[in-house]
Structures are given as structure tokens and as C-alpha cells.
């Protein structure tokens, strides 16, 4: 048995790679990761997770598994999303530590070796932080900045340069898998769980094949889903709006009374406007209070779904 065929208990690294419509990148990614980790004498396995791709991604994963005994694959029955693919990969990984990276090689595989060496030194969470974000439009960069500011406040950890590219010790993986989250946000949860952590900087690389599968609309949905999943703050916007409405009602009410007593008000207007403003602000604040209780119920009833894995590729070593 070679060094790269060691199982859990012998410092094996599992590399989790979600893939959606990445048929052009599967073999290239498998070969690149294999070469880099083999040269560094890092025992490893690669776990591709086909997230319901519509192209030949699964066939490429099966082919890669036939060529390389270190390659394994999971095939979703439909598209469940990147977060589900990551957690399914973690649940099926056999390594003593697990790294997550993108299939398009925008996360440089060379950094995996640095992460692994830091793990050997005793670090349990090794974060990959972006030194540069690569080529992005100004609008995309601004929206990403706003999203990470919101998430940083929710997590109370600076996520301005955060990414899904990271390595977790087995105990950190088990802690994540044990969380009853349905809409789990891996990037935030892996930072939130604690453990001894450090970071490694990397530059986002350009894609060599294919195009990004993230449209503007899908990124917006992804951001909204994760903000709502990780924080109940949006539900309190109604309460804040109710308070501002109430203050505005007081100011406008005083103005209406002044007009009434000075004889400049339209007959009946004062009574109607005061009733509308006072009742409206009370309703807004009441909805905010109800929203607070609903948010607590929401936090209690979260649960992770079971992933529908219909196939597996490769033999477990």
C-alpha cells in the first residue's frame, strides 16, 4: 500500500469538489490535484459531487474514478445546490481532514498542500482567504461587499475575504454535520463553529475551460437564502420601520393639530390622518414583535434534509 492509499487514522486528506455542468473540467481537476498531492506525499482521496448536472459531468467522474483509485463520486438525483453538495461530500468523506474547493480550479490546488501542513501543526480549521478576487464587474464587487458586510455582522467574524476554499479537521467536520441546519451556509458555519483556526491567502485564478454557472439572478437568490438562513435580522426590519413610522406620525400629527387649531385644516382631514398614522405605526410594530417570535420558532425547527444520492463512483479504499 502506497502512502497515498492510507485510510483514516493515517492523516488522509479528503478533497471535496462540488460540480455542476463541469464536464470539461473533471479530468483536468482530478489530474491536477493528483499530481500536486502526490508530489507532496500527501495521502488523499478526491470526492466529486455531481449536483444534478445536465451535461456529461457524471460520465466524466466515472471515467476519472476508473483511471484513478483515489477518485470517488456522488451523483445527486437532481440539482440541490452547492451547499448541499458540500455537506454531502463531507458526509461521505473518509479523511482525517477535509478540504473543499471549486471544480473550475479558481481555487489553486497548490494551496491544499499549505493547508495540509498547517493542519499537521495542529490547526483544526484552515481558511482560504482571497488576496484578490480576480476579474469582476464593479456591480458584482459592490453587491458582494454588501452581502459580506451583512454576514460579518450576523456571524460576528470578518467575512470580507471569505471563501468556500478551506480545510477542516475531522472533529470540525463532525460538528458541522451534527448541526440541524436545513439551509446551511458552509462559508459562515465553518467559521462560526470555532476550533483552532488560521488562514492562508490565495489569488482567485481565471477559469481555463467553460463559463461560470452563477448568473446574476442565481447569485442574488444565493445571497438572500444565506442571509435569511443564518440571520433573523431581516424580520426585525418591520419593527424598525414601525418605529420610524410612529415618529413620523407624531411629527405629522402635531402639524395636523396646528393646522386644525389655526383654521387651515380641511374639515375631517385631521381626524382621518391621525387615525391612519397611529393605527399604521402600531400595526407595523406589532408585526415586528410577531416576527421576533416567529424568528425564534424558525431557529428551533431547522432541520437538515436527506440528500438523494442515487449513484456512487469508485471503490472505497
Protein backbone atom coordinates (compact mmCIF):
# COMPACT_ATOMS: atom_id res chain seq x y z
CA UNK A 1 0.00 0.00 0.00
CA UNK A 2 1.45 3.34 -1.04
CA UNK A 3 1.48 6.49 1.07
CA UNK A 4 -1.38 7.88 -0.98
CA UNK A 5 -3.59 4.87 -0.19
CA UNK A 6 -3.73 5.33 3.57
CA UNK A 7 -7.10 5.40 5.27
CA UNK A 8 -8.45 7.37 8.20
CA UNK A 9 -6.13 7.38 11.18
CA UNK A 10 -3.11 7.88 8.91
CA UNK A 11 -3.59 11.57 8.10
CA UNK A 12 -5.57 11.18 4.88
CA UNK A 13 -6.90 14.31 3.19
CA UNK A 14 -10.32 14.22 1.52
CA UNK A 15 -10.79 16.85 -1.19
CA UNK A 16 -14.49 17.65 -1.69
CA UNK A 17 -15.26 19.09 -5.14
CA UNK A 18 -18.87 20.07 -5.98
CA UNK A 19 -19.51 20.01 -9.73
CA UNK A 20 -22.41 21.35 -11.78
CA UNK A 21 -22.14 21.13 -15.57
CA UNK A 22 -18.34 20.86 -15.38
CA UNK A 23 -17.71 18.03 -17.83
CA UNK A 24 -14.77 19.89 -19.36
CA UNK A 25 -13.01 20.32 -16.00
CA UNK A 26 -13.45 16.97 -14.21
CA UNK A 27 -10.44 15.14 -15.65
CA UNK A 28 -8.24 18.24 -15.62
CA UNK A 29 -9.08 18.92 -11.98
CA UNK A 30 -8.58 15.29 -10.96
CA UNK A 31 -5.20 15.11 -12.70
CA UNK A 32 -4.03 18.46 -11.29
CA UNK A 33 -4.98 17.64 -7.69
CA UNK A 34 -3.50 14.14 -8.04
CA UNK A 35 -0.18 15.49 -9.33
CA UNK A 36 0.20 18.18 -6.67
CA UNK A 37 -0.75 15.99 -3.69
CA UNK A 38 1.29 13.01 -4.93
CA UNK A 39 4.39 15.17 -5.36
CA UNK A 40 3.89 16.48 -1.81
CA UNK A 41 3.42 12.90 -0.49
CA UNK A 42 0.01 13.75 0.94
CA UNK A 43 -2.30 10.72 1.31
CA UNK A 44 -5.60 11.73 -0.23
CA UNK A 45 -8.91 10.94 -1.84
CA UNK A 46 -10.97 13.12 -4.20
CA UNK A 47 -14.73 13.19 -3.76
CA UNK A 48 -16.57 14.74 -6.70
CA UNK A 49 -20.22 15.59 -6.04
CA UNK A 50 -22.29 15.86 -9.21
CA UNK A 51 -25.03 18.33 -8.32
CA UNK A 52 -27.62 17.16 -10.84
CA UNK A 53 -25.64 18.28 -13.89
CA UNK A 54 -27.36 18.29 -17.28
CA UNK A 55 -24.22 17.58 -19.30
CA UNK A 56 -21.73 14.70 -19.17
CA UNK A 57 -20.25 15.61 -15.77
CA UNK A 58 -21.24 12.30 -14.16
CA UNK A 59 -19.81 10.24 -17.03
CA UNK A 60 -16.53 12.16 -16.67
CA UNK A 61 -16.49 11.46 -12.92
CA UNK A 62 -17.00 7.73 -13.57
CA UNK A 63 -14.18 7.79 -16.11
CA UNK A 64 -11.86 9.60 -13.69
CA UNK A 65 -12.73 7.06 -10.97
CA UNK A 66 -11.82 4.20 -13.29
CA UNK A 67 -8.46 5.78 -14.08
CA UNK A 68 -7.56 6.79 -10.53
CA UNK A 69 -8.47 4.66 -7.47
CA UNK A 70 -8.28 7.80 -5.29
CA UNK A 71 -11.24 9.38 -7.11
CA UNK A 72 -14.76 8.79 -5.81
CA UNK A 73 -18.03 10.36 -6.84
CA UNK A 74 -21.55 11.08 -5.65
CA UNK A 75 -24.45 11.68 -8.01
CA UNK A 76 -27.47 13.72 -6.89
CA UNK A 77 -30.88 12.75 -8.27
CA UNK A 78 -31.42 16.43 -9.14
CA UNK A 79 -29.82 19.82 -8.58
CA UNK A 80 -29.85 20.59 -4.83
CA UNK A 81 -27.35 23.45 -4.83
CA UNK A 82 -23.71 23.94 -3.88
CA UNK A 83 -24.25 23.93 -0.10
CA UNK A 84 -25.99 20.55 -0.25
CA UNK A 85 -23.21 19.20 -2.46
CA UNK A 86 -20.56 20.34 0.02
CA UNK A 87 -22.30 18.75 3.01
CA UNK A 88 -22.99 15.53 1.11
CA UNK A 89 -19.31 15.34 0.21
CA UNK A 90 -18.27 15.93 3.82
CA UNK A 91 -20.71 13.24 5.00
CA UNK A 92 -19.19 10.69 2.63
CA UNK A 93 -15.52 11.64 3.03
CA UNK A 94 -13.20 9.22 4.79
CA UNK A 95 -10.26 11.51 5.50
CA UNK A 96 -8.88 12.69 8.83
CA UNK A 97 -9.24 16.19 7.40
CA UNK A 98 -11.39 17.50 4.57
CA UNK A 99 -10.79 20.33 2.12
CA UNK A 100 -13.44 21.94 -0.07
CA UNK A 101 -12.55 23.55 -3.38
CA UNK A 102 -14.21 24.57 -6.65
CA UNK A 103 -14.09 22.34 -9.69
CA UNK A 104 -13.06 25.15 -12.05
CA UNK A 105 -9.59 25.45 -10.41
CA UNK A 106 -10.18 29.08 -9.46
CA UNK A 107 -9.12 27.82 -6.04
CA UNK A 108 -5.43 26.99 -6.69
CA UNK A 109 -4.77 23.33 -5.75
CA UNK A 110 -1.21 24.19 -4.69
CA UNK A 111 -2.68 25.87 -1.60
CA UNK A 112 -4.06 22.50 -0.47
CA UNK A 113 -0.52 21.46 0.48
CA UNK A 114 -0.04 24.60 2.62
CA UNK A 115 -3.38 23.98 4.30
CA UNK A 116 -2.47 20.36 4.98
CA UNK A 117 0.89 21.30 6.53
CA UNK A 118 -0.86 23.78 8.84
CA UNK A 119 -3.31 21.05 9.82
CA UNK A 120 -0.35 18.80 10.66
CA UNK A 121 0.84 21.57 13.00
CA UNK A 122 -2.40 21.30 14.97
CA UNK A 123 -4.76 23.79 13.32
CA UNK A 124 -8.30 22.44 13.02
CA UNK A 125 -9.81 24.99 10.62
CA UNK A 126 -7.65 26.46 7.85
CA UNK A 127 -9.46 29.23 5.99
CA UNK A 128 -8.62 30.16 2.43
CA UNK A 129 -8.96 33.97 2.22
CA UNK A 130 -8.91 35.89 -1.04
CA UNK A 131 -5.92 38.13 -1.62
CA UNK A 132 -7.57 39.23 -4.85
CA UNK A 133 -10.99 38.42 -6.30
CA UNK A 134 -9.94 38.08 -9.92
CA UNK A 135 -11.87 39.78 -12.71
CA UNK A 136 -15.27 41.02 -11.51
CA UNK A 137 -17.61 43.77 -12.61
CA UNK A 138 -17.95 46.82 -10.37
CA UNK A 139 -21.61 45.95 -9.68
CA UNK A 140 -20.76 42.37 -8.70
CA UNK A 141 -17.94 43.56 -6.44
CA UNK A 142 -20.23 46.12 -4.73
CA UNK A 143 -23.03 43.57 -4.20
CA UNK A 144 -20.54 41.02 -2.83
CA UNK A 145 -19.17 43.65 -0.44
CA UNK A 146 -22.67 44.46 0.85
CA UNK A 147 -23.50 40.77 1.30
CA UNK A 148 -20.35 40.03 3.28
CA UNK A 149 -20.85 43.07 5.49
CA UNK A 150 -24.27 41.70 6.43
CA UNK A 151 -22.91 38.21 7.02
CA UNK A 152 -19.97 39.55 9.06
CA UNK A 153 -22.42 41.26 11.41
CA UNK A 154 -24.52 38.10 11.68
CA UNK A 155 -21.54 35.77 12.30
CA UNK A 156 -19.50 38.40 14.20
CA UNK A 157 -16.47 37.32 12.15
CA UNK A 158 -14.86 39.28 9.32
CA UNK A 159 -16.01 37.53 6.14
CA UNK A 160 -14.99 40.24 3.66
CA UNK A 161 -12.45 37.89 2.05
CA UNK A 162 -14.06 34.58 2.94
CA UNK A 163 -14.46 31.67 0.52
CA UNK A 164 -15.56 28.04 0.41
CA UNK A 165 -11.92 27.07 -0.05
CA UNK A 166 -10.88 25.71 3.33
CA UNK A 167 -9.66 22.67 5.22
CA UNK A 168 -11.39 21.22 8.29
CA UNK A 169 -10.22 18.67 10.84
CA UNK A 170 -12.44 15.60 11.27
CA UNK A 171 -13.84 16.93 14.57
CA UNK A 172 -14.83 20.20 12.85
CA UNK A 173 -16.48 18.22 10.03
CA UNK A 174 -18.42 16.14 12.54
CA UNK A 175 -19.51 19.31 14.33
CA UNK A 176 -20.85 20.76 11.06
CA UNK A 177 -22.63 17.54 10.12
CA UNK A 178 -24.22 17.42 13.56
CA UNK A 179 -25.88 20.82 13.15
CA UNK A 180 -29.64 20.63 12.43
CA UNK A 181 -29.47 23.20 9.64
CA UNK A 182 -31.60 22.85 6.51
CA UNK A 183 -30.37 25.89 4.57
CA UNK A 184 -26.79 25.66 5.79
CA UNK A 185 -24.27 28.31 4.71
CA UNK A 186 -20.97 26.44 4.75
CA UNK A 187 -18.78 29.51 4.38
CA UNK A 188 -20.22 31.08 7.54
CA UNK A 189 -20.84 27.96 9.65
CA UNK A 190 -17.30 26.66 9.21
CA UNK A 191 -16.02 29.93 10.69
CA UNK A 192 -18.71 30.11 13.36
CA UNK A 193 -18.04 26.68 14.93
CA UNK A 194 -14.74 27.82 16.43
CA UNK A 195 -11.79 25.42 16.93
CA UNK A 196 -8.16 26.37 16.50
CA UNK A 197 -8.01 28.21 13.20
CA UNK A 198 -5.66 30.04 10.88
CA UNK A 199 -5.79 31.31 7.32
CA UNK A 200 -3.95 31.09 4.01
CA UNK A 201 -4.16 33.78 1.34
CA UNK A 202 -4.71 32.91 -2.31
CA UNK A 203 -5.38 34.67 -5.59
CA UNK A 204 -8.54 33.69 -7.43
CA UNK A 205 -7.48 32.11 -10.73
CA UNK A 206 -9.14 32.52 -14.12
CA UNK A 207 -11.18 29.64 -15.49
CA UNK A 208 -9.35 27.61 -18.14
CA UNK A 209 -12.48 25.91 -19.54
CA UNK A 210 -16.19 26.69 -19.67
CA UNK A 211 -18.07 29.57 -18.11
CA UNK A 212 -19.28 30.41 -14.63
CA UNK A 213 -22.59 28.73 -13.77
CA UNK A 214 -23.55 31.62 -11.48
CA UNK A 215 -25.87 34.12 -13.16
CA UNK A 216 -26.67 37.47 -11.55
CA UNK A 217 -30.11 36.18 -10.52
CA UNK A 218 -28.72 32.95 -9.03
CA UNK A 219 -26.18 34.96 -7.01
CA UNK A 220 -28.96 37.19 -5.68
CA UNK A 221 -31.03 34.16 -4.66
CA UNK A 222 -27.96 32.57 -3.08
CA UNK A 223 -27.25 35.72 -1.05
CA UNK A 224 -30.85 36.15 0.09
CA UNK A 225 -31.17 32.48 1.04
CA UNK A 226 -27.98 32.53 3.11
CA UNK A 227 -28.72 35.82 4.86
CA UNK A 228 -32.19 34.56 5.83
CA UNK A 229 -30.84 31.11 6.77
CA UNK A 230 -28.11 32.46 9.03
CA UNK A 231 -29.76 35.53 10.50
CA UNK A 232 -33.24 36.60 11.58
CA UNK A 233 -32.31 40.29 11.28
CA UNK A 234 -34.47 40.85 8.16
CA UNK A 235 -37.56 40.02 10.23
CA UNK A 236 -36.75 42.94 12.51
CA UNK A 237 -36.82 45.45 9.66
CA UNK A 238 -40.59 45.68 10.17
CA UNK A 239 -40.07 46.67 13.81
CA UNK A 240 -37.57 49.38 12.83
CA UNK A 241 -39.90 50.59 10.08
CA UNK A 242 -42.75 50.68 12.63
CA UNK A 243 -40.73 52.87 15.00
CA UNK A 244 -39.85 55.32 12.20
CA UNK A 245 -43.49 55.35 11.09
CA UNK A 246 -44.57 56.11 14.65
CA UNK A 247 -42.09 59.00 14.93
CA UNK A 248 -43.25 60.32 11.56
CA UNK A 249 -46.86 60.01 12.79
CA UNK A 250 -46.07 62.15 15.84
CA UNK A 251 -44.46 64.89 13.70
CA UNK A 252 -47.24 64.86 11.11
CA UNK A 253 -49.87 64.65 13.86
CA UNK A 254 -48.51 67.79 15.54
CA UNK A 255 -48.53 69.58 12.20
CA UNK A 256 -52.14 68.49 11.57
CA UNK A 257 -53.24 69.72 15.01
CA UNK A 258 -51.53 73.07 14.45
CA UNK A 259 -53.34 73.44 11.11
CA UNK A 260 -56.62 72.46 12.78
CA UNK A 261 -56.38 74.98 15.61
CA UNK A 262 -55.22 77.76 13.29
CA UNK A 263 -58.17 77.08 11.00
CA UNK A 264 -56.13 75.98 7.97
CA UNK A 265 -57.08 72.29 8.01
CA UNK A 266 -59.58 70.72 5.62
CA UNK A 267 -62.66 69.57 7.53
CA UNK A 268 -62.29 65.95 8.70
CA UNK A 269 -58.69 65.65 7.46
CA UNK A 270 -57.07 65.91 10.92
CA UNK A 271 -59.09 63.08 12.43
CA UNK A 272 -58.52 60.75 9.45
CA UNK A 273 -54.78 61.36 9.15
CA UNK A 274 -54.16 60.93 12.87
CA UNK A 275 -56.07 57.64 12.95
CA UNK A 276 -54.24 56.32 9.88
CA UNK A 277 -50.79 57.26 11.20
CA UNK A 278 -51.30 55.97 14.74
CA UNK A 279 -53.00 52.71 13.73
CA UNK A 280 -50.48 52.13 10.91
CA UNK A 281 -47.46 52.55 13.17
CA UNK A 282 -48.97 50.29 15.85
CA UNK A 283 -49.65 47.60 13.25
CA UNK A 284 -46.06 47.83 11.97
CA UNK A 285 -44.59 47.49 15.46
CA UNK A 286 -46.96 44.64 16.27
CA UNK A 287 -45.86 42.81 13.13
CA UNK A 288 -42.26 43.30 14.23
CA UNK A 289 -42.97 41.73 17.60
CA UNK A 290 -44.75 38.81 15.93
CA UNK A 291 -41.78 38.49 13.57
CA UNK A 292 -39.43 38.23 16.53
CA UNK A 293 -41.38 35.29 17.96
CA UNK A 294 -41.58 33.66 14.53
CA UNK A 295 -37.82 34.00 14.20
CA UNK A 296 -37.35 32.10 17.46
CA UNK A 297 -39.70 29.36 16.24
CA UNK A 298 -37.75 29.29 12.98
CA UNK A 299 -34.49 28.77 14.83
CA UNK A 300 -35.99 25.85 16.78
CA UNK A 301 -37.45 23.91 13.86
CA UNK A 302 -34.49 23.94 11.47
CA UNK A 303 -33.50 20.52 10.16
CA UNK A 304 -31.09 19.24 7.51
CA UNK A 305 -32.70 17.36 4.58
CA UNK A 306 -31.59 13.91 3.45
CA UNK A 307 -29.67 14.06 0.19
CA UNK A 308 -30.93 11.85 -2.60
CA UNK A 309 -27.75 10.17 -3.79
CA UNK A 310 -28.64 7.67 -6.49
CA UNK A 311 -25.15 6.51 -7.53
CA UNK A 312 -21.58 6.29 -6.31
CA UNK A 313 -18.43 6.08 -8.41
CA UNK A 314 -15.20 4.40 -7.48
CA UNK A 315 -14.37 1.85 -4.84
CA UNK A 316 -13.60 2.86 -1.27
CA UNK A 317 -10.02 2.09 -0.43
